[in-house]
Amino acid sequence: MGSRSGRVGVTYKYFGAPDGATAARVPISMRPEELGGDELGMGGMFSKIKPETIAAMVLTGIQGMPLNKVPPLELVVLHPDYAVVKLPMTVVDPLRGIGEESVGAAAFIWSTVPDRGGPRDAFNVYQLLHEWQDFSVRLHEAGHEPYCLVWP
């Protein structure tokens, strides 16, 4: 591994688990570089987008929540080599029931929010929200909650 000081090479692996205890065991059972999708029990997602940004994108763009009211993530495990955080269900639940117009509107809204991280181009946000919409359906069908494994 290279330098750990910068956050340039950080990768986020989003996955579903029935509870925090199960989610906490995921990184122990395999090294991050071995993580594919289905080893985590369901189709997970790799991303360079921080979980805080995803939460803000959905809650601001779809729920109309002010950026400063977005709830913090819950830390499940903090290890020298990785961390596991839990995203609030309010981040994935709203995505399941919305249509194409709402996804487009949310992407546009997020692209105009000042002083925030993440993708700025509305089309990139739109594609990302679609990926998250699929992910939220898979989570719901499996009865899982959203977690994110973070490692440098």
N, C-alpha and C. Protein backbone atom coordinates (compact mmCIF):
# COMPACT_ATOMS: atom_id res chain seq x y z
N MET A 1 0.85 -1.19 0.00
CA MET A 1 0.00 0.00 0.00
C MET A 1 0.88 1.24 0.00
N GLY A 2 0.45 2.24 -0.69
CA GLY A 2 1.20 3.48 -0.77
C GLY A 2 0.94 4.36 0.44
N SER A 3 1.10 5.63 0.25
CA SER A 3 0.89 6.60 1.33
C SER A 3 -0.56 6.58 1.81
N ARG A 4 -0.74 6.71 3.10
CA ARG A 4 -2.09 6.69 3.66
C ARG A 4 -2.58 8.10 3.99
N SER A 5 -1.75 9.09 3.75
CA SER A 5 -2.14 10.45 4.17
C SER A 5 -3.25 11.04 3.31
N GLY A 6 -3.13 10.94 1.98
CA GLY A 6 -4.16 11.51 1.11
C GLY A 6 -5.36 10.60 1.02
N ARG A 7 -6.53 11.16 0.63
CA ARG A 7 -7.74 10.36 0.51
C ARG A 7 -8.02 10.06 -0.97
N VAL A 8 -7.01 10.24 -1.80
CA VAL A 8 -7.19 10.09 -3.24
C VAL A 8 -7.58 8.67 -3.63
N GLY A 9 -6.93 7.66 -3.03
CA GLY A 9 -7.15 6.29 -3.46
C GLY A 9 -8.21 5.56 -2.66
N VAL A 10 -9.02 6.26 -1.91
CA VAL A 10 -10.02 5.60 -1.08
C VAL A 10 -11.10 4.96 -1.96
N THR A 11 -11.45 3.73 -1.63
CA THR A 11 -12.51 3.02 -2.34
C THR A 11 -13.59 2.67 -1.35
N TYR A 12 -14.82 2.80 -1.78
CA TYR A 12 -15.96 2.48 -0.92
C TYR A 12 -16.68 1.28 -1.50
N LYS A 13 -16.94 0.29 -0.65
CA LYS A 13 -17.67 -0.90 -1.08
C LYS A 13 -18.98 -0.89 -0.31
N TYR A 14 -20.07 -0.71 -1.02
CA TYR A 14 -21.39 -0.70 -0.40
C TYR A 14 -21.97 -2.10 -0.44
N PHE A 15 -22.58 -2.51 0.66
CA PHE A 15 -23.14 -3.85 0.71
C PHE A 15 -24.32 -3.88 1.68
N GLY A 16 -25.07 -4.94 1.63
CA GLY A 16 -26.20 -5.11 2.52
C GLY A 16 -25.91 -6.19 3.53
N ALA A 17 -26.44 -6.02 4.73
CA ALA A 17 -26.32 -7.03 5.78
C ALA A 17 -27.57 -6.92 6.66
N PRO A 18 -27.96 -8.05 7.28
CA PRO A 18 -29.17 -8.01 8.11
C PRO A 18 -29.00 -7.20 9.39
N ASP A 19 -27.75 -7.05 9.87
CA ASP A 19 -27.52 -6.30 11.11
C ASP A 19 -26.05 -5.89 11.21
N GLY A 20 -25.78 -5.06 12.21
CA GLY A 20 -24.42 -4.54 12.39
C GLY A 20 -23.40 -5.62 12.71
N ALA A 21 -23.80 -6.64 13.47
CA ALA A 21 -22.86 -7.71 13.83
C ALA A 21 -22.40 -8.45 12.58
N THR A 22 -23.33 -8.71 11.67
CA THR A 22 -22.98 -9.38 10.41
C THR A 22 -22.10 -8.46 9.57
N ALA A 23 -22.46 -7.20 9.48
CA ALA A 23 -21.69 -6.24 8.69
C ALA A 23 -20.27 -6.12 9.24
N ALA A 24 -20.11 -6.18 10.55
CA ALA A 24 -18.79 -6.05 11.17
C ALA A 24 -17.87 -7.22 10.82
N ARG A 25 -18.45 -8.38 10.53
CA ARG A 25 -17.64 -9.56 10.20
C ARG A 25 -17.20 -9.59 8.74
N VAL A 26 -17.81 -8.80 7.89
CA VAL A 26 -17.48 -8.84 6.46
C VAL A 26 -15.99 -8.60 6.18
N PRO A 27 -15.38 -7.53 6.70
CA PRO A 27 -13.97 -7.30 6.36
C PRO A 27 -13.03 -8.34 6.96
N ILE A 28 -13.43 -8.99 8.04
CA ILE A 28 -12.58 -9.99 8.68
C ILE A 28 -12.53 -11.25 7.83
N SER A 29 -13.64 -11.53 7.14
CA SER A 29 -13.74 -12.77 6.39
C SER A 29 -13.00 -12.72 5.06
N MET A 30 -12.61 -11.54 4.61
CA MET A 30 -11.89 -11.43 3.34
C MET A 30 -11.14 -10.11 3.28
N ARG A 31 -10.06 -10.10 2.54
CA ARG A 31 -9.33 -8.86 2.37
C ARG A 31 -10.07 -7.98 1.37
N PRO A 32 -10.04 -6.66 1.56
CA PRO A 32 -10.79 -5.77 0.65
C PRO A 32 -10.51 -5.99 -0.83
N GLU A 33 -9.25 -6.29 -1.19
CA GLU A 33 -8.95 -6.47 -2.61
C GLU A 33 -9.60 -7.72 -3.18
N GLU A 34 -10.09 -8.62 -2.31
CA GLU A 34 -10.75 -9.83 -2.77
C GLU A 34 -12.26 -9.64 -2.90
N LEU A 35 -12.76 -8.52 -2.43
CA LEU A 35 -14.21 -8.34 -2.43
C LEU A 35 -14.73 -8.16 -3.85
N GLY A 36 -15.64 -9.00 -4.21
CA GLY A 36 -16.32 -8.83 -5.48
C GLY A 36 -17.69 -8.28 -5.18
N GLY A 37 -18.73 -8.88 -5.70
CA GLY A 37 -20.07 -8.42 -5.39
C GLY A 37 -20.79 -9.39 -4.49
N ASP A 38 -20.96 -10.61 -4.95
CA ASP A 38 -21.86 -11.52 -4.27
C ASP A 38 -21.29 -12.21 -3.06
N GLU A 39 -19.97 -12.05 -2.82
CA GLU A 39 -19.42 -12.61 -1.59
C GLU A 39 -20.05 -11.93 -0.38
N LEU A 40 -20.60 -10.76 -0.58
CA LEU A 40 -21.18 -10.02 0.53
C LEU A 40 -22.65 -10.36 0.72
N GLY A 41 -23.11 -11.43 0.13
CA GLY A 41 -24.47 -11.87 0.36
C GLY A 41 -25.45 -11.36 -0.67
N MET A 42 -25.08 -10.32 -1.37
CA MET A 42 -25.92 -9.77 -2.44
C MET A 42 -25.05 -8.87 -3.28
N GLY A 43 -25.56 -8.41 -4.39
CA GLY A 43 -24.77 -7.58 -5.29
C GLY A 43 -24.38 -6.27 -4.62
N GLY A 44 -23.15 -6.18 -4.19
CA GLY A 44 -22.66 -4.93 -3.62
C GLY A 44 -22.22 -3.98 -4.72
N MET A 45 -21.73 -2.83 -4.33
CA MET A 45 -21.27 -1.85 -5.32
C MET A 45 -19.96 -1.24 -4.87
N PHE A 46 -19.01 -1.09 -5.80
CA PHE A 46 -17.81 -0.33 -5.54
C PHE A 46 -18.07 1.09 -6.00
N SER A 47 -17.49 2.05 -5.30
CA SER A 47 -17.67 3.44 -5.71
C SER A 47 -16.53 4.29 -5.18
N LYS A 48 -16.30 5.42 -5.82
CA LYS A 48 -15.35 6.42 -5.32
C LYS A 48 -16.13 7.52 -4.59
N ILE A 49 -17.46 7.37 -4.52
CA ILE A 49 -18.31 8.38 -3.88
C ILE A 49 -18.46 8.06 -2.39
N LYS A 50 -18.16 9.04 -1.55
CA LYS A 50 -18.25 8.86 -0.10
C LYS A 50 -19.68 8.59 0.33
N PRO A 51 -19.87 7.77 1.39
CA PRO A 51 -21.22 7.49 1.87
C PRO A 51 -21.95 8.75 2.35
N GLU A 52 -21.20 9.70 2.92
CA GLU A 52 -21.83 10.96 3.34
C GLU A 52 -22.42 11.69 2.16
N THR A 53 -21.73 11.62 1.02
CA THR A 53 -22.20 12.30 -0.19
C THR A 53 -23.45 11.63 -0.73
N ILE A 54 -23.45 10.29 -0.73
CA ILE A 54 -24.64 9.55 -1.19
C ILE A 54 -25.85 9.93 -0.34
N ALA A 55 -25.65 9.92 0.97
CA ALA A 55 -26.75 10.26 1.89
C ALA A 55 -27.27 11.66 1.61
N ALA A 56 -26.36 12.60 1.46
CA ALA A 56 -26.76 13.98 1.20
C ALA A 56 -27.47 14.11 -0.14
N MET A 57 -26.98 13.39 -1.16
CA MET A 57 -27.56 13.44 -2.50
C MET A 57 -29.04 13.02 -2.48
N VAL A 58 -29.31 11.90 -1.81
CA VAL A 58 -30.68 11.38 -1.76
C VAL A 58 -31.56 12.26 -0.89
N LEU A 59 -31.09 12.59 0.30
CA LEU A 59 -31.93 13.32 1.24
C LEU A 59 -32.18 14.76 0.79
N THR A 60 -31.20 15.36 0.15
CA THR A 60 -31.37 16.73 -0.34
C THR A 60 -32.18 16.75 -1.63
N GLY A 61 -31.80 15.87 -2.57
CA GLY A 61 -32.43 15.88 -3.89
C GLY A 61 -33.82 15.28 -3.91
N ILE A 62 -34.06 14.23 -3.14
CA ILE A 62 -35.36 13.54 -3.19
C ILE A 62 -36.27 13.95 -2.03
N GLN A 63 -35.71 14.03 -0.84
CA GLN A 63 -36.52 14.35 0.34
C GLN A 63 -36.62 15.85 0.59
N GLY A 64 -35.80 16.65 -0.09
CA GLY A 64 -35.84 18.09 0.10
C GLY A 64 -35.24 18.54 1.42
N MET A 65 -34.45 17.69 2.05
CA MET A 65 -33.84 18.02 3.34
C MET A 65 -32.69 19.00 3.13
N PRO A 66 -32.58 20.02 3.99
CA PRO A 66 -31.42 20.92 3.88
C PRO A 66 -30.13 20.13 4.14
N LEU A 67 -29.07 20.51 3.45
CA LEU A 67 -27.80 19.81 3.56
C LEU A 67 -27.32 19.69 5.00
N ASN A 68 -27.54 20.74 5.81
CA ASN A 68 -27.06 20.72 7.20
C ASN A 68 -27.90 19.84 8.12
N LYS A 69 -28.99 19.26 7.62
CA LYS A 69 -29.85 18.39 8.43
C LYS A 69 -29.65 16.90 8.12
N VAL A 70 -28.76 16.59 7.18
CA VAL A 70 -28.51 15.20 6.81
C VAL A 70 -27.89 14.49 8.02
N PRO A 71 -28.50 13.36 8.45
CA PRO A 71 -28.00 12.69 9.66
C PRO A 71 -26.61 12.08 9.44
N PRO A 72 -25.84 11.97 10.53
CA PRO A 72 -24.50 11.36 10.41
C PRO A 72 -24.60 9.85 10.20
N LEU A 73 -23.53 9.29 9.70
CA LEU A 73 -23.46 7.85 9.52
C LEU A 73 -23.11 7.21 10.86
N GLU A 74 -23.49 5.95 11.00
CA GLU A 74 -23.21 5.23 12.24
C GLU A 74 -21.96 4.38 12.04
N LEU A 75 -20.97 4.57 12.89
CA LEU A 75 -19.75 3.79 12.81
C LEU A 75 -19.99 2.41 13.41
N VAL A 76 -19.71 1.36 12.63
CA VAL A 76 -19.90 -0.02 13.10
C VAL A 76 -18.56 -0.58 13.56
N VAL A 77 -17.52 -0.39 12.76
CA VAL A 77 -16.18 -0.88 13.08
C VAL A 77 -15.16 0.16 12.65
N LEU A 78 -14.20 0.43 13.52
CA LEU A 78 -13.06 1.27 13.15
C LEU A 78 -11.81 0.45 13.42
N HIS A 79 -11.09 0.13 12.36
CA HIS A 79 -9.90 -0.71 12.42
C HIS A 79 -8.78 0.09 11.76
N PRO A 80 -7.51 -0.16 12.12
CA PRO A 80 -6.43 0.61 11.46
C PRO A 80 -6.43 0.49 9.94
N ASP A 81 -6.93 -0.64 9.41
CA ASP A 81 -6.88 -0.85 7.96
C ASP A 81 -8.19 -0.55 7.23
N TYR A 82 -9.29 -0.42 7.95
CA TYR A 82 -10.58 -0.21 7.30
C TYR A 82 -11.60 0.29 8.32
N ALA A 83 -12.74 0.69 7.81
CA ALA A 83 -13.88 1.05 8.67
C ALA A 83 -15.15 0.53 8.01
N VAL A 84 -16.16 0.26 8.81
CA VAL A 84 -17.48 -0.10 8.30
C VAL A 84 -18.46 0.90 8.90
N VAL A 85 -19.25 1.53 8.04
CA VAL A 85 -20.27 2.47 8.50
C VAL A 85 -21.64 2.02 8.01
N LYS A 86 -22.66 2.40 8.77
CA LYS A 86 -24.03 2.09 8.40
C LYS A 86 -24.69 3.36 7.89
N LEU A 87 -25.36 3.26 6.75
CA LEU A 87 -26.10 4.40 6.23
C LEU A 87 -27.52 4.33 6.77
N PRO A 88 -28.13 5.49 7.02
CA PRO A 88 -29.52 5.46 7.50
C PRO A 88 -30.44 4.87 6.43
N MET A 89 -31.46 4.14 6.85
CA MET A 89 -32.43 3.57 5.90
C MET A 89 -33.12 4.69 5.11
N THR A 90 -33.18 5.88 5.67
CA THR A 90 -33.80 7.01 4.97
C THR A 90 -33.04 7.35 3.69
N VAL A 91 -31.84 6.81 3.54
CA VAL A 91 -31.07 7.07 2.33
C VAL A 91 -31.49 6.14 1.20
N VAL A 92 -31.85 4.91 1.51
CA VAL A 92 -32.20 3.97 0.44
C VAL A 92 -33.70 3.82 0.23
N ASP A 93 -34.48 3.91 1.29
CA ASP A 93 -35.93 3.72 1.16
C ASP A 93 -36.59 4.67 0.15
N PRO A 94 -36.28 5.98 0.17
CA PRO A 94 -36.97 6.88 -0.77
C PRO A 94 -36.71 6.55 -2.24
N LEU A 95 -35.61 5.88 -2.52
CA LEU A 95 -35.27 5.58 -3.91
C LEU A 95 -36.16 4.51 -4.52
N ARG A 96 -36.69 3.62 -3.70
CA ARG A 96 -37.45 2.48 -4.24
C ARG A 96 -38.73 2.91 -4.95
N GLY A 97 -39.43 3.89 -4.40
CA GLY A 97 -40.74 4.20 -4.94
C GLY A 97 -40.81 5.32 -5.95
N ILE A 98 -39.67 5.89 -6.33
CA ILE A 98 -39.73 7.06 -7.21
C ILE A 98 -39.57 6.70 -8.68
N GLY A 99 -40.13 7.54 -9.53
CA GLY A 99 -40.07 7.33 -10.97
C GLY A 99 -38.95 8.11 -11.61
N GLU A 100 -38.89 7.98 -12.92
CA GLU A 100 -37.86 8.61 -13.74
C GLU A 100 -37.77 10.12 -13.55
N GLU A 101 -38.93 10.79 -13.47
CA GLU A 101 -38.94 12.25 -13.33
C GLU A 101 -38.31 12.66 -12.01
N SER A 102 -38.61 11.92 -10.95
CA SER A 102 -38.05 12.25 -9.63
C SER A 102 -36.55 12.05 -9.58
N VAL A 103 -36.06 11.00 -10.25
CA VAL A 103 -34.61 10.76 -10.29
C VAL A 103 -33.94 11.91 -11.04
N GLY A 104 -34.53 12.30 -12.16
CA GLY A 104 -33.98 13.42 -12.93
C GLY A 104 -34.01 14.72 -12.16
N ALA A 105 -35.10 14.97 -11.46
CA ALA A 105 -35.23 16.19 -10.65
C ALA A 105 -34.20 16.19 -9.53
N ALA A 106 -34.04 15.04 -8.86
CA ALA A 106 -33.07 14.94 -7.77
C ALA A 106 -31.65 15.19 -8.28
N ALA A 107 -31.33 14.66 -9.46
CA ALA A 107 -30.01 14.86 -10.05
C ALA A 107 -29.78 16.34 -10.34
N PHE A 108 -30.81 16.99 -10.88
CA PHE A 108 -30.68 18.41 -11.18
C PHE A 108 -30.51 19.21 -9.89
N ILE A 109 -31.33 18.92 -8.89
CA ILE A 109 -31.25 19.64 -7.61
C ILE A 109 -29.85 19.49 -7.02
N TRP A 110 -29.35 18.24 -6.99
CA TRP A 110 -28.02 18.03 -6.41
C TRP A 110 -26.95 18.77 -7.19
N SER A 111 -27.08 18.84 -8.51
CA SER A 111 -26.06 19.52 -9.32
C SER A 111 -26.03 21.02 -9.06
N THR A 112 -27.09 21.56 -8.43
CA THR A 112 -27.13 23.01 -8.16
C THR A 112 -26.84 23.37 -6.70
N VAL A 113 -26.71 22.36 -5.81
CA VAL A 113 -26.44 22.64 -4.40
C VAL A 113 -25.02 23.17 -4.25
N PRO A 114 -24.86 24.36 -3.64
CA PRO A 114 -23.51 24.90 -3.47
C PRO A 114 -22.76 24.20 -2.33
N ASP A 115 -21.46 24.31 -2.35
CA ASP A 115 -20.60 23.85 -1.25
C ASP A 115 -20.83 22.41 -0.84
N ARG A 116 -20.79 21.51 -1.78
CA ARG A 116 -20.93 20.10 -1.45
C ARG A 116 -19.94 19.28 -2.29
N GLY A 117 -19.65 18.08 -1.80
CA GLY A 117 -18.73 17.21 -2.52
C GLY A 117 -19.48 16.33 -3.49
N GLY A 118 -18.73 15.50 -4.21
CA GLY A 118 -19.35 14.55 -5.12
C GLY A 118 -19.48 15.08 -6.53
N PRO A 119 -20.07 14.26 -7.39
CA PRO A 119 -20.19 14.65 -8.80
C PRO A 119 -21.06 15.89 -8.97
N ARG A 120 -20.68 16.73 -9.91
CA ARG A 120 -21.40 17.99 -10.13
C ARG A 120 -22.28 17.93 -11.37
N ASP A 121 -21.93 17.09 -12.31
CA ASP A 121 -22.68 17.01 -13.56
C ASP A 121 -23.99 16.27 -13.32
N ALA A 122 -25.11 16.88 -13.70
CA ALA A 122 -26.43 16.31 -13.44
C ALA A 122 -26.59 14.92 -14.04
N PHE A 123 -26.02 14.68 -15.24
CA PHE A 123 -26.16 13.37 -15.85
C PHE A 123 -25.42 12.30 -15.05
N ASN A 124 -24.21 12.62 -14.55
CA ASN A 124 -23.46 11.67 -13.71
C ASN A 124 -24.23 11.37 -12.42
N VAL A 125 -24.85 12.39 -11.84
CA VAL A 125 -25.64 12.19 -10.63
C VAL A 125 -26.85 11.30 -10.95
N TYR A 126 -27.47 11.56 -12.08
CA TYR A 126 -28.62 10.77 -12.53
C TYR A 126 -28.25 9.28 -12.64
N GLN A 127 -27.12 8.99 -13.28
CA GLN A 127 -26.67 7.60 -13.42
C GLN A 127 -26.40 6.97 -12.06
N LEU A 128 -25.75 7.74 -11.19
CA LEU A 128 -25.43 7.25 -9.86
C LEU A 128 -26.70 6.95 -9.06
N LEU A 129 -27.69 7.84 -9.14
CA LEU A 129 -28.94 7.61 -8.42
C LEU A 129 -29.67 6.38 -8.96
N HIS A 130 -29.56 6.13 -10.26
CA HIS A 130 -30.16 4.92 -10.83
C HIS A 130 -29.49 3.66 -10.27
N GLU A 131 -28.16 3.68 -10.17
CA GLU A 131 -27.45 2.55 -9.57
C GLU A 131 -27.93 2.33 -8.14
N TRP A 132 -28.09 3.43 -7.41
CA TRP A 132 -28.53 3.33 -6.02
C TRP A 132 -29.98 2.87 -5.93
N GLN A 133 -30.76 3.21 -6.92
CA GLN A 133 -32.16 2.76 -6.94
C GLN A 133 -32.19 1.23 -7.05
N ASP A 134 -31.40 0.68 -7.95
CA ASP A 134 -31.30 -0.78 -8.10
C ASP A 134 -30.79 -1.42 -6.81
N PHE A 135 -29.77 -0.81 -6.22
CA PHE A 135 -29.19 -1.31 -4.97
C PHE A 135 -30.24 -1.31 -3.86
N SER A 136 -31.04 -0.25 -3.78
CA SER A 136 -32.05 -0.16 -2.70
C SER A 136 -33.13 -1.23 -2.86
N VAL A 137 -33.47 -1.56 -4.10
CA VAL A 137 -34.45 -2.63 -4.35
C VAL A 137 -33.87 -3.97 -3.90
N ARG A 138 -32.60 -4.23 -4.24
CA ARG A 138 -31.95 -5.48 -3.83
C ARG A 138 -31.87 -5.57 -2.30
N LEU A 139 -31.53 -4.45 -1.65
CA LEU A 139 -31.47 -4.43 -0.18
C LEU A 139 -32.82 -4.79 0.41
N HIS A 140 -33.86 -4.14 -0.10
CA HIS A 140 -35.21 -4.35 0.41
C HIS A 140 -35.64 -5.81 0.25
N GLU A 141 -35.40 -6.36 -0.93
CA GLU A 141 -35.79 -7.75 -1.21
C GLU A 141 -35.06 -8.73 -0.31
N ALA A 142 -33.81 -8.41 0.06
CA ALA A 142 -33.02 -9.30 0.91
C ALA A 142 -33.30 -9.04 2.40
N GLY A 143 -34.04 -7.97 2.72
CA GLY A 143 -34.27 -7.62 4.11
C GLY A 143 -33.02 -7.08 4.78
N HIS A 144 -32.15 -6.45 3.99
CA HIS A 144 -30.88 -5.95 4.51
C HIS A 144 -30.88 -4.44 4.70
N GLU A 145 -29.90 -3.98 5.47
CA GLU A 145 -29.67 -2.56 5.66
C GLU A 145 -28.38 -2.20 4.93
N PRO A 146 -28.22 -0.91 4.57
CA PRO A 146 -27.03 -0.51 3.80
C PRO A 146 -25.83 -0.23 4.69
N TYR A 147 -24.68 -0.79 4.28
CA TYR A 147 -23.42 -0.57 4.96
C TYR A 147 -22.37 -0.20 3.93
N CYS A 148 -21.28 0.38 4.42
CA CYS A 148 -20.18 0.73 3.53
C CYS A 148 -18.86 0.34 4.19
N LEU A 149 -18.04 -0.38 3.44
CA LEU A 149 -16.71 -0.73 3.86
C LEU A 149 -15.77 0.27 3.21
N VAL A 150 -14.94 0.94 4.03
CA VAL A 150 -14.03 1.98 3.55
C VAL A 150 -12.61 1.52 3.84
N TRP A 151 -11.76 1.56 2.84
CA TRP A 151 -10.35 1.29 3.09
C TRP A 151 -9.50 2.13 2.16
N PRO A 152 -8.30 2.46 2.62
CA PRO A 152 -7.42 3.30 1.81
C PRO A 152 -6.80 2.54 0.65
